[in-house]
Structure formats: structure tokens, C-alpha cells
């Protein structure tokens, strides 16, 4: 019998809350929060992880290019020092 009374009480409280200003306040707060959050410049965790992966790949590529550039500069310096004087314009 007490379960029946509790269920009836819960149903009546639900009806009161649904028709009271508290429900309107809740809806207004929810709408305001939703609007405020939508204005924030946020990304999903998935988008963040994808961007982290892309950055890591770009960093690796930059490091590879810097290494290759250093090798080419070394070769260029080496080839200039090993040319005979007639080819260097001296």
C-alpha cells in the first residue's frame, strides 16, 4: 500500500512541477545554457585527436625536410670546395 501512495505522490508532484513556473525557469535556463555553449569555440574530442595527429605528422615532415635541406647544404658546400680554381672563377 505504501508503494501505491508513493507512486501517487510522485505523479502529483510531477503534475505540479509541470504546471508550475519552476518548469518554465528550467526551460529558460536550459535554453540560455545551450545558447551560451553554442557560442563557445569548442571542438569535439574526435576533432581534437585528429588535429593532434595532423600536427604530429606535419612536425615529422618538417623535421625530415630540415634534415634533407641540411644534407643538401652540406653537399653544396662540399662540392664548391672541391672544384678546381678554373671552375670557381678564380
C-alpha atoms as a PDB file:
ATOM      1  CA  UNK A   1       0.000   0.000   0.000  1.00  0.00           C
ATOM      2  CA  UNK A   2       2.820   2.452   0.765  1.00  0.00           C
ATOM      3  CA  UNK A   3       4.229   1.933  -2.764  1.00  0.00           C
ATOM      4  CA  UNK A   4       0.874   2.997  -4.205  1.00  0.00           C
ATOM      5  CA  UNK A   5       0.848   6.121  -2.053  1.00  0.00           C
ATOM      6  CA  UNK A   6       4.431   6.986  -3.079  1.00  0.00           C
ATOM      7  CA  UNK A   7       3.595   6.493  -6.753  1.00  0.00           C
ATOM      8  CA  UNK A   8       0.522   8.731  -6.442  1.00  0.00           C
ATOM      9  CA  UNK A   9       2.559  11.368  -4.614  1.00  0.00           C
ATOM     10  CA  UNK A  10       5.272  11.254  -7.255  1.00  0.00           C
ATOM     11  CA  UNK A  11       2.684  11.605 -10.032  1.00  0.00           C
ATOM     12  CA  UNK A  12       1.017  14.581  -8.304  1.00  0.00           C
ATOM     13  CA  UNK A  13       4.372  16.276  -7.707  1.00  0.00           C
ATOM     14  CA  UNK A  14       5.230  15.735 -11.337  1.00  0.00           C
ATOM     15  CA  UNK A  15       1.970  17.382 -12.398  1.00  0.00           C
ATOM     16  CA  UNK A  16       2.575  20.310 -10.063  1.00  0.00           C
ATOM     17  CA  UNK A  17       6.124  20.796 -11.361  1.00  0.00           C
ATOM     18  CA  UNK A  18       4.972  20.544 -14.987  1.00  0.00           C
ATOM     19  CA  UNK A  19       2.401  23.282 -14.497  1.00  0.00           C
ATOM     20  CA  UNK A  20       4.443  25.492 -12.173  1.00  0.00           C
ATOM     21  CA  UNK A  21       6.751  28.388 -13.028  1.00  0.00           C
ATOM     22  CA  UNK A  22       9.672  26.182 -11.980  1.00  0.00           C
ATOM     23  CA  UNK A  23       9.300  24.227 -15.242  1.00  0.00           C
ATOM     24  CA  UNK A  24       9.436  27.463 -17.236  1.00  0.00           C
ATOM     25  CA  UNK A  25      12.506  28.574 -15.307  1.00  0.00           C
ATOM     26  CA  UNK A  26      14.170  25.241 -16.029  1.00  0.00           C
ATOM     27  CA  UNK A  27      13.385  25.561 -19.754  1.00  0.00           C
ATOM     28  CA  UNK A  28      14.720  29.129 -19.820  1.00  0.00           C
ATOM     29  CA  UNK A  29      17.909  28.182 -18.023  1.00  0.00           C
ATOM     30  CA  UNK A  30      18.404  25.206 -20.325  1.00  0.00           C
ATOM     31  CA  UNK A  31      17.881  27.391 -23.422  1.00  0.00           C
ATOM     32  CA  UNK A  32      20.253  30.056 -22.096  1.00  0.00           C
ATOM     33  CA  UNK A  33      22.958  27.499 -21.320  1.00  0.00           C
ATOM     34  CA  UNK A  34      22.549  25.833 -24.705  1.00  0.00           C
ATOM     35  CA  UNK A  35      22.866  29.199 -26.422  1.00  0.00           C
ATOM     36  CA  UNK A  36      25.949  30.161 -24.369  1.00  0.00           C
ATOM     37  CA  UNK A  37      27.666  26.847 -25.050  1.00  0.00           C
ATOM     38  CA  UNK A  38      26.972  27.089 -28.776  1.00  0.00           C
ATOM     39  CA  UNK A  39      28.820  30.435 -28.834  1.00  0.00           C
ATOM     40  CA  UNK A  40      31.961  28.909 -27.365  1.00  0.00           C
ATOM     41  CA  UNK A  41      34.677  27.961 -29.803  1.00  0.00           C
ATOM     42  CA  UNK A  42      34.985  24.298 -28.833  1.00  0.00           C
ATOM     43  CA  UNK A  43      35.738  21.123 -30.729  1.00  0.00           C
ATOM     44  CA  UNK A  44      34.844  17.533 -30.075  1.00  0.00           C
ATOM     45  CA  UNK A  45      37.375  15.124 -28.632  1.00  0.00           C
ATOM     46  CA  UNK A  46      37.463  13.355 -32.001  1.00  0.00           C
ATOM     47  CA  UNK A  47      38.274  16.591 -33.853  1.00  0.00           C
ATOM     48  CA  UNK A  48      40.953  17.409 -31.275  1.00  0.00           C
ATOM     49  CA  UNK A  49      42.586  13.987 -31.653  1.00  0.00           C
ATOM     50  CA  UNK A  50      42.556  14.304 -35.459  1.00  0.00           C
ATOM     51  CA  UNK A  51      44.234  17.722 -35.232  1.00  0.00           C
ATOM     52  CA  UNK A  52      46.866  16.326 -32.838  1.00  0.00           C
ATOM     53  CA  UNK A  53      47.619  13.563 -35.346  1.00  0.00           C
ATOM     54  CA  UNK A  54      47.879  16.028 -38.233  1.00  0.00           C
ATOM     55  CA  UNK A  55      50.229  18.260 -36.226  1.00  0.00           C
ATOM     56  CA  UNK A  56      52.438  15.305 -35.313  1.00  0.00           C
ATOM     57  CA  UNK A  57      52.618  14.288 -38.982  1.00  0.00           C
ATOM     58  CA  UNK A  58      53.491  17.857 -40.024  1.00  0.00           C
ATOM     59  CA  UNK A  59      56.193  18.077 -37.343  1.00  0.00           C
ATOM     60  CA  UNK A  60      57.690  14.824 -38.613  1.00  0.00           C
ATOM     61  CA  UNK A  61      57.590  16.091 -42.197  1.00  0.00           C
ATOM     62  CA  UNK A  62      59.217  19.400 -41.219  1.00  0.00           C
ATOM     63  CA  UNK A  63      61.980  17.570 -39.366  1.00  0.00           C
ATOM     64  CA  UNK A  64      62.582  15.354 -42.414  1.00  0.00           C
ATOM     65  CA  UNK A  65      62.708  18.385 -44.712  1.00  0.00           C
ATOM     66  CA  UNK A  66      65.088  20.228 -42.384  1.00  0.00           C
ATOM     67  CA  UNK A  67      67.358  17.193 -42.310  1.00  0.00           C
ATOM     68  CA  UNK A  68      67.254  16.894 -46.111  1.00  0.00           C
ATOM     69  CA  UNK A  69      67.962  20.617 -46.506  1.00  0.00           C
ATOM     70  CA  UNK A  70      70.977  20.363 -44.178  1.00  0.00           C
ATOM     71  CA  UNK A  71      72.287  17.418 -46.244  1.00  0.00           C
ATOM     72  CA  UNK A  72      71.876  19.364 -49.486  1.00  0.00           C
ATOM     73  CA  UNK A  73      73.595  22.423 -47.996  1.00  0.00           C
ATOM     74  CA  UNK A  74      76.455  20.194 -46.835  1.00  0.00           C
ATOM     75  CA  UNK A  75      76.758  18.668 -50.321  1.00  0.00           C
ATOM     76  CA  UNK A  76      76.682  22.112 -51.902  1.00  0.00           C
ATOM     77  CA  UNK A  77      79.446  23.410 -49.618  1.00  0.00           C
ATOM     78  CA  UNK A  78      81.473  20.274 -50.206  1.00  0.00           C
ATOM     79  CA  UNK A  79      81.134  20.465 -53.988  1.00  0.00           C
ATOM     80  CA  UNK A  80      82.131  24.182 -54.025  1.00  0.00           C
ATOM     81  CA  UNK A  81      85.300  23.493 -52.031  1.00  0.00           C
ATOM     82  CA  UNK A  82      86.284  20.563 -54.223  1.00  0.00           C
ATOM     83  CA  UNK A  83      86.013  22.393 -57.586  1.00  0.00           C
ATOM     84  CA  UNK A  84      89.286  23.332 -59.332  1.00  0.00           C
ATOM     85  CA  UNK A  85      90.160  27.061 -59.362  1.00  0.00           C
ATOM     86  CA  UNK A  86      89.393  27.362 -63.093  1.00  0.00           C
ATOM     87  CA  UNK A  87      85.767  26.328 -62.456  1.00  0.00           C
ATOM     88  CA  UNK A  88      85.254  28.612 -59.474  1.00  0.00           C
ATOM     89  CA  UNK A  89      86.262  31.726 -61.417  1.00  0.00           C
ATOM     90  CA  UNK A  90      89.481  32.424 -59.508  1.00  0.00           C
END
